[in-house]
Amino acid sequence: VHGQLRPYQIQGLNWLISLHENNLSGILADEMGLGKTLQTISFLGYLRFIRGINGPHLVITPKSTLDNWQREFNRWIPDIKVLVLQGDKDERAELIKNKVMTCDFDVIVSSYEIVIREKATLKKFDWQYIIIDEAHRIKNEESLLSQIIRMFHSRNRLLITGTPLQNNLMNHLMNGFRKIATTRMEERTKSFLSYIRF
């Protein structure tokens, strides 16, 4: 890691680590400009260098912040192989063929729109983490993006928002987690029951 976190960013990083250690998804909500991107990247660095988990991870972000995510990864943890999945249909097809399907990445960073367009490819992966930046944009559970993200399999999910969380937004985001957790718990219970049957 190339840099130093501020004390409040270290607290955020420790909180993300505790979520991971307890196999929980979470919401990183803070005011704009306090380093949520850096805390998230530091957390992925922790997974890689301390826990030996290289990925794959999927970061879904507004198109306007794609370059910032890549720049921050390159600045703080250049050892992590980041693939920005963007471009026109032909450019994306080339990236998918030569990088995505060959697993030549640790982290894919892509926009909401591209995730919707490339859902068939992205849902083939068992992601370690799906990270959604500016997650307040998916508060509508019936939105296309929200529905598509629920089709993706991941160990955990992290929602990032700089928008103050109102009670109704928190309820929407938590309902999404409950659906994910319930599905995951049902799968684990079935697996466990099949294991202990004589």
C-alpha atoms as a PDB file:
ATOM      1  CA  VAL A   1       0.000   0.000   0.000  1.00  0.00           C
ATOM      2  CA  HIS A   2       1.413   3.365  -1.007  1.00  0.00           C
ATOM      3  CA  GLY A   3       0.150   5.987   1.435  1.00  0.00           C
ATOM      4  CA  GLN A   4      -1.231   6.521   4.891  1.00  0.00           C
ATOM      5  CA  LEU A   5      -4.847   6.470   6.053  1.00  0.00           C
ATOM      6  CA  ARG A   6      -6.275   9.064   8.407  1.00  0.00           C
ATOM      7  CA  PRO A   7      -7.549   7.834  11.788  1.00  0.00           C
ATOM      8  CA  TYR A   8     -11.229   7.936  10.775  1.00  0.00           C
ATOM      9  CA  GLN A   9     -10.383   6.030   7.580  1.00  0.00           C
ATOM     10  CA  ILE A  10      -8.619   3.380   9.650  1.00  0.00           C
ATOM     11  CA  GLN A  11     -11.803   3.068  11.738  1.00  0.00           C
ATOM     12  CA  GLY A  12     -13.787   2.577   8.526  1.00  0.00           C
ATOM     13  CA  LEU A  13     -11.293  -0.011   7.290  1.00  0.00           C
ATOM     14  CA  ASN A  14     -11.466  -1.879  10.597  1.00  0.00           C
ATOM     15  CA  TRP A  15     -15.253  -1.860  10.385  1.00  0.00           C
ATOM     16  CA  LEU A  16     -15.109  -3.339   6.854  1.00  0.00           C
ATOM     17  CA  ILE A  17     -12.703  -6.004   8.118  1.00  0.00           C
ATOM     18  CA  SER A  18     -15.050  -6.872  10.991  1.00  0.00           C
ATOM     19  CA  LEU A  19     -17.941  -7.230   8.537  1.00  0.00           C
ATOM     20  CA  HIS A  20     -15.829  -9.596   6.448  1.00  0.00           C
ATOM     21  CA  GLU A  21     -14.712 -11.627   9.456  1.00  0.00           C
ATOM     22  CA  ASN A  22     -18.376 -12.067  10.424  1.00  0.00           C
ATOM     23  CA  ASN A  23     -19.415 -12.865   6.828  1.00  0.00           C
ATOM     24  CA  LEU A  24     -21.676  -9.819   6.631  1.00  0.00           C
ATOM     25  CA  SER A  25     -22.452  -7.378   3.881  1.00  0.00           C
ATOM     26  CA  GLY A  26     -22.588  -3.696   4.768  1.00  0.00           C
ATOM     27  CA  ILE A  27     -23.154  -0.085   3.883  1.00  0.00           C
ATOM     28  CA  LEU A  28     -20.289   2.417   4.020  1.00  0.00           C
ATOM     29  CA  ALA A  29     -22.099   5.728   4.368  1.00  0.00           C
ATOM     30  CA  ASP A  30     -20.241   8.947   4.992  1.00  0.00           C
ATOM     31  CA  GLU A  31     -20.156  12.488   3.746  1.00  0.00           C
ATOM     32  CA  MET A  32     -18.662  13.199   0.341  1.00  0.00           C
ATOM     33  CA  GLY A  33     -14.893  13.619   0.243  1.00  0.00           C
ATOM     34  CA  LEU A  34     -13.976  11.609   3.336  1.00  0.00           C
ATOM     35  CA  GLY A  35     -12.307   8.750   1.490  1.00  0.00           C
ATOM     36  CA  LYS A  36     -14.883   5.982   1.075  1.00  0.00           C
ATOM     37  CA  THR A  37     -13.166   4.945  -2.167  1.00  0.00           C
ATOM     38  CA  LEU A  38      -9.798   4.781  -0.399  1.00  0.00           C
ATOM     39  CA  GLN A  39     -11.251   2.817   2.532  1.00  0.00           C
ATOM     40  CA  THR A  40     -12.780   0.338   0.094  1.00  0.00           C
ATOM     41  CA  ILE A  41      -9.546  -0.037  -1.888  1.00  0.00           C
ATOM     42  CA  SER A  42      -7.621  -0.475   1.374  1.00  0.00           C
ATOM     43  CA  PHE A  43     -10.071  -3.185   2.374  1.00  0.00           C
ATOM     44  CA  LEU A  44      -9.480  -5.028  -0.921  1.00  0.00           C
ATOM     45  CA  GLY A  45      -5.747  -4.657  -0.224  1.00  0.00           C
ATOM     46  CA  TYR A  46      -6.291  -6.220   3.203  1.00  0.00           C
ATOM     47  CA  LEU A  47      -8.124  -9.129   1.572  1.00  0.00           C
ATOM     48  CA  ARG A  48      -5.275  -9.623  -0.893  1.00  0.00           C
ATOM     49  CA  PHE A  49      -2.208  -9.169   1.285  1.00  0.00           C
ATOM     50  CA  ILE A  50      -3.423 -10.321   4.694  1.00  0.00           C
ATOM     51  CA  ARG A  51      -6.142 -12.879   3.912  1.00  0.00           C
ATOM     52  CA  GLY A  52      -4.813 -14.137   0.547  1.00  0.00           C
ATOM     53  CA  ILE A  53      -8.066 -13.321  -1.280  1.00  0.00           C
ATOM     54  CA  ASN A  54      -7.177 -11.791  -4.643  1.00  0.00           C
ATOM     55  CA  GLY A  55     -10.686 -11.650  -5.995  1.00  0.00           C
ATOM     56  CA  PRO A  56     -12.511 -11.573  -8.197  1.00  0.00           C
ATOM     57  CA  HIS A  57     -14.267  -8.398  -7.104  1.00  0.00           C
ATOM     58  CA  LEU A  58     -16.755  -6.279  -9.026  1.00  0.00           C
ATOM     59  CA  VAL A  59     -17.020  -2.528  -8.426  1.00  0.00           C
ATOM     60  CA  ILE A  60     -20.132  -0.962  -9.952  1.00  0.00           C
ATOM     61  CA  THR A  61     -19.971   2.790 -10.123  1.00  0.00           C
ATOM     62  CA  PRO A  62     -21.343   5.778 -12.028  1.00  0.00           C
ATOM     63  CA  LYS A  63     -19.597   6.257 -15.356  1.00  0.00           C
ATOM     64  CA  SER A  64     -18.267   9.612 -14.184  1.00  0.00           C
ATOM     65  CA  THR A  65     -16.142   7.955 -11.457  1.00  0.00           C
ATOM     66  CA  LEU A  66     -14.635   5.034 -13.422  1.00  0.00           C
ATOM     67  CA  ASP A  67     -11.355   6.839 -14.058  1.00  0.00           C
ATOM     68  CA  ASN A  68     -11.134   7.953 -10.429  1.00  0.00           C
ATOM     69  CA  TRP A  69     -11.484   4.367  -9.187  1.00  0.00           C
ATOM     70  CA  GLN A  70      -8.730   3.215 -11.546  1.00  0.00           C
ATOM     71  CA  ARG A  71      -6.482   6.140 -10.597  1.00  0.00           C
ATOM     72  CA  GLU A  72      -6.980   5.463  -6.873  1.00  0.00           C
ATOM     73  CA  PHE A  73      -6.207   1.737  -7.268  1.00  0.00           C
ATOM     74  CA  ASN A  74      -3.048   2.600  -9.233  1.00  0.00           C
ATOM     75  CA  ARG A  75      -2.010   5.167  -6.642  1.00  0.00           C
ATOM     76  CA  TRP A  76      -2.650   3.143  -3.475  1.00  0.00           C
ATOM     77  CA  ILE A  77      -2.304  -0.528  -4.455  1.00  0.00           C
ATOM     78  CA  PRO A  78      -0.783  -0.873  -7.935  1.00  0.00           C
ATOM     79  CA  ASP A  79      -0.278  -4.630  -7.390  1.00  0.00           C
ATOM     80  CA  ILE A  80      -4.020  -5.201  -7.780  1.00  0.00           C
ATOM     81  CA  LYS A  81      -4.909  -5.912 -11.397  1.00  0.00           C
ATOM     82  CA  VAL A  82      -7.823  -3.597 -12.215  1.00  0.00           C
ATOM     83  CA  LEU A  83      -9.827  -3.935 -15.411  1.00  0.00           C
ATOM     84  CA  VAL A  84     -12.100  -1.039 -16.322  1.00  0.00           C
ATOM     85  CA  LEU A  85     -14.865  -2.572 -18.406  1.00  0.00           C
ATOM     86  CA  GLN A  86     -16.156   0.196 -20.644  1.00  0.00           C
ATOM     87  CA  GLY A  87     -16.229   1.273 -24.273  1.00  0.00           C
ATOM     88  CA  ASP A  88     -18.410   0.524 -27.257  1.00  0.00           C
ATOM     89  CA  LYS A  89     -19.731  -2.937 -28.041  1.00  0.00           C
ATOM     90  CA  ASP A  90     -16.626  -4.019 -29.992  1.00  0.00           C
ATOM     91  CA  GLU A  91     -14.189  -2.690 -27.389  1.00  0.00           C
ATOM     92  CA  ARG A  92     -16.084  -4.455 -24.624  1.00  0.00           C
ATOM     93  CA  ALA A  93     -16.223  -7.690 -26.624  1.00  0.00           C
ATOM     94  CA  GLU A  94     -12.432  -7.552 -26.961  1.00  0.00           C
ATOM     95  CA  LEU A  95     -11.963  -6.917 -23.222  1.00  0.00           C
ATOM     96  CA  ILE A  96     -14.379  -9.713 -22.350  1.00  0.00           C
ATOM     97  CA  LYS A  97     -12.675 -12.189 -24.661  1.00  0.00           C
ATOM     98  CA  ASN A  98      -9.063 -11.343 -23.753  1.00  0.00           C
ATOM     99  CA  LYS A  99      -9.305 -10.206 -20.130  1.00  0.00           C
ATOM    100  CA  VAL A 100     -12.592 -11.109 -18.444  1.00  0.00           C
ATOM    101  CA  MET A 101     -13.065 -14.669 -19.671  1.00  0.00           C
ATOM    102  CA  THR A 102      -9.380 -15.447 -19.122  1.00  0.00           C
ATOM    103  CA  CYS A 103      -9.658 -14.065 -15.574  1.00  0.00           C
ATOM    104  CA  ASP A 104      -6.843 -11.604 -16.259  1.00  0.00           C
ATOM    105  CA  PHE A 105      -7.959  -9.262 -13.464  1.00  0.00           C
ATOM    106  CA  ASP A 106      -8.457  -9.044  -9.720  1.00  0.00           C
ATOM    107  CA  VAL A 107     -11.078  -6.306  -9.832  1.00  0.00           C
ATOM    108  CA  ILE A 108     -13.464  -5.228 -12.563  1.00  0.00           C
ATOM    109  CA  VAL A 109     -14.660  -1.644 -12.337  1.00  0.00           C
ATOM    110  CA  SER A 110     -17.656  -0.899 -14.512  1.00  0.00           C
ATOM    111  CA  SER A 111     -20.568   1.493 -14.790  1.00  0.00           C
ATOM    112  CA  TYR A 112     -24.194   0.730 -14.010  1.00  0.00           C
ATOM    113  CA  GLU A 113     -25.039   0.853 -17.721  1.00  0.00           C
ATOM    114  CA  ILE A 114     -22.292  -1.564 -18.771  1.00  0.00           C
ATOM    115  CA  VAL A 115     -23.171  -4.006 -15.986  1.00  0.00           C
ATOM    116  CA  ILE A 116     -26.717  -4.081 -17.345  1.00  0.00           C
ATOM    117  CA  ARG A 117     -25.468  -4.644 -20.905  1.00  0.00           C
ATOM    118  CA  GLU A 118     -22.888  -7.289 -19.939  1.00  0.00           C
ATOM    119  CA  LYS A 119     -24.946  -9.103 -17.315  1.00  0.00           C
ATOM    120  CA  ALA A 120     -24.725 -12.440 -19.151  1.00  0.00           C
ATOM    121  CA  THR A 121     -20.938 -12.427 -18.812  1.00  0.00           C
ATOM    122  CA  LEU A 122     -20.727 -10.951 -15.318  1.00  0.00           C
ATOM    123  CA  LYS A 123     -23.214 -13.361 -13.778  1.00  0.00           C
ATOM    124  CA  LYS A 124     -20.927 -16.290 -14.699  1.00  0.00           C
ATOM    125  CA  PHE A 125     -18.515 -15.366 -11.902  1.00  0.00           C
ATOM    126  CA  ASP A 126     -18.538 -16.167  -8.206  1.00  0.00           C
ATOM    127  CA  TRP A 127     -17.478 -12.741  -6.972  1.00  0.00           C
ATOM    128  CA  GLN A 128     -15.818 -12.341  -3.601  1.00  0.00           C
ATOM    129  CA  TYR A 129     -17.273  -8.846  -3.277  1.00  0.00           C
ATOM    130  CA  ILE A 130     -19.698  -6.806  -5.296  1.00  0.00           C
ATOM    131  CA  ILE A 131     -19.207  -3.168  -4.382  1.00  0.00           C
ATOM    132  CA  ILE A 132     -21.781  -0.621  -5.471  1.00  0.00           C
ATOM    133  CA  ASP A 133     -20.675   3.009  -5.383  1.00  0.00           C
ATOM    134  CA  GLU A 134     -23.335   5.682  -4.943  1.00  0.00           C
ATOM    135  CA  ALA A 135     -25.667   2.893  -3.907  1.00  0.00           C
ATOM    136  CA  HIS A 136     -28.501   5.304  -3.140  1.00  0.00           C
ATOM    137  CA  ARG A 137     -29.159   5.114  -6.886  1.00  0.00           C
ATOM    138  CA  ILE A 138     -30.427   1.529  -6.524  1.00  0.00           C
ATOM    139  CA  LYS A 139     -32.922   2.274  -3.770  1.00  0.00           C
ATOM    140  CA  ASN A 140     -35.732   1.192  -6.081  1.00  0.00           C
ATOM    141  CA  GLU A 141     -35.744  -2.604  -5.753  1.00  0.00           C
ATOM    142  CA  GLU A 142     -37.668  -2.893  -9.010  1.00  0.00           C
ATOM    143  CA  SER A 143     -35.074  -1.009 -11.066  1.00  0.00           C
ATOM    144  CA  LEU A 144     -33.344  -3.002 -13.784  1.00  0.00           C
ATOM    145  CA  LEU A 145     -29.923  -2.602 -12.157  1.00  0.00           C
ATOM    146  CA  SER A 146     -31.209  -3.755  -8.775  1.00  0.00           C
ATOM    147  CA  GLN A 147     -32.819  -6.832 -10.325  1.00  0.00           C
ATOM    148  CA  ILE A 148     -29.696  -7.700 -12.324  1.00  0.00           C
ATOM    149  CA  ILE A 149     -27.353  -7.326  -9.356  1.00  0.00           C
ATOM    150  CA  ARG A 150     -29.521  -9.748  -7.382  1.00  0.00           C
ATOM    151  CA  MET A 151     -28.825 -12.368 -10.105  1.00  0.00           C
ATOM    152  CA  PHE A 152     -25.068 -12.143  -9.462  1.00  0.00           C
ATOM    153  CA  HIS A 153     -23.466 -14.477  -6.926  1.00  0.00           C
ATOM    154  CA  SER A 154     -21.025 -13.054  -4.404  1.00  0.00           C
ATOM    155  CA  ARG A 155     -19.652 -13.884  -0.990  1.00  0.00           C
ATOM    156  CA  ASN A 156     -20.606 -10.408   0.243  1.00  0.00           C
ATOM    157  CA  ARG A 157     -21.701  -7.016  -0.954  1.00  0.00           C
ATOM    158  CA  LEU A 158     -20.702  -3.545   0.036  1.00  0.00           C
ATOM    159  CA  LEU A 159     -22.826  -0.496  -0.671  1.00  0.00           C
ATOM    160  CA  ILE A 160     -21.131   2.903  -0.656  1.00  0.00           C
ATOM    161  CA  THR A 161     -23.056   6.153  -0.402  1.00  0.00           C
ATOM    162  CA  GLY A 162     -22.226   9.764   0.338  1.00  0.00           C
ATOM    163  CA  THR A 163     -25.870  10.688   0.551  1.00  0.00           C
ATOM    164  CA  PRO A 164     -27.280  10.968   4.064  1.00  0.00           C
ATOM    165  CA  LEU A 165     -29.263   7.825   4.726  1.00  0.00           C
ATOM    166  CA  GLN A 166     -32.885   8.567   5.373  1.00  0.00           C
ATOM    167  CA  ASN A 167     -34.883   5.883   7.150  1.00  0.00           C
ATOM    168  CA  ASN A 168     -36.764   4.868   4.005  1.00  0.00           C
ATOM    169  CA  LEU A 169     -33.522   4.581   1.972  1.00  0.00           C
ATOM    170  CA  MET A 170     -31.900   2.545   4.734  1.00  0.00           C
ATOM    171  CA  ASN A 171     -34.949   0.262   4.750  1.00  0.00           C
ATOM    172  CA  HIS A 172     -34.710  -0.236   0.965  1.00  0.00           C
ATOM    173  CA  LEU A 173     -31.002  -1.033   1.119  1.00  0.00           C
ATOM    174  CA  MET A 174     -31.412  -3.355   4.100  1.00  0.00           C
ATOM    175  CA  ASN A 175     -34.318  -5.167   2.415  1.00  0.00           C
ATOM    176  CA  GLY A 176     -31.977  -5.912  -0.475  1.00  0.00           C
ATOM    177  CA  PHE A 177     -29.447  -7.380   1.955  1.00  0.00           C
ATOM    178  CA  ARG A 178     -32.152  -9.440   3.642  1.00  0.00           C
ATOM    179  CA  LYS A 179     -33.136 -10.975   0.296  1.00  0.00           C
ATOM    180  CA  ILE A 180     -29.507 -11.791  -0.447  1.00  0.00           C
ATOM    181  CA  ALA A 181     -28.907 -13.193   3.044  1.00  0.00           C
ATOM    182  CA  THR A 182     -32.107 -15.244   3.030  1.00  0.00           C
ATOM    183  CA  THR A 183     -31.243 -16.833  -0.302  1.00  0.00           C
ATOM    184  CA  ARG A 184     -27.692 -17.563   0.872  1.00  0.00           C
ATOM    185  CA  MET A 185     -28.928 -19.033   4.189  1.00  0.00           C
ATOM    186  CA  GLU A 186     -31.420 -21.276   2.387  1.00  0.00           C
ATOM    187  CA  GLU A 187     -28.642 -22.545   0.107  1.00  0.00           C
ATOM    188  CA  ARG A 188     -26.344 -23.266   3.074  1.00  0.00           C
ATOM    189  CA  THR A 189     -29.111 -25.003   5.013  1.00  0.00           C
ATOM    190  CA  LYS A 190     -29.929 -27.268   2.056  1.00  0.00           C
ATOM    191  CA  SER A 191     -26.245 -28.050   1.611  1.00  0.00           C
ATOM    192  CA  PHE A 192     -25.822 -28.827   5.314  1.00  0.00           C
ATOM    193  CA  LEU A 193     -28.929 -31.023   5.437  1.00  0.00           C
ATOM    194  CA  SER A 194     -27.788 -33.002   2.400  1.00  0.00           C
ATOM    195  CA  TYR A 195     -24.433 -33.478   4.096  1.00  0.00           C
ATOM    196  CA  ILE A 196     -25.799 -34.905   7.340  1.00  0.00           C
ATOM    197  CA  ARG A 197     -28.386 -37.261   5.828  1.00  0.00           C
ATOM    198  CA  PHE A 198     -27.592 -40.922   6.327  1.00  0.00           C
END
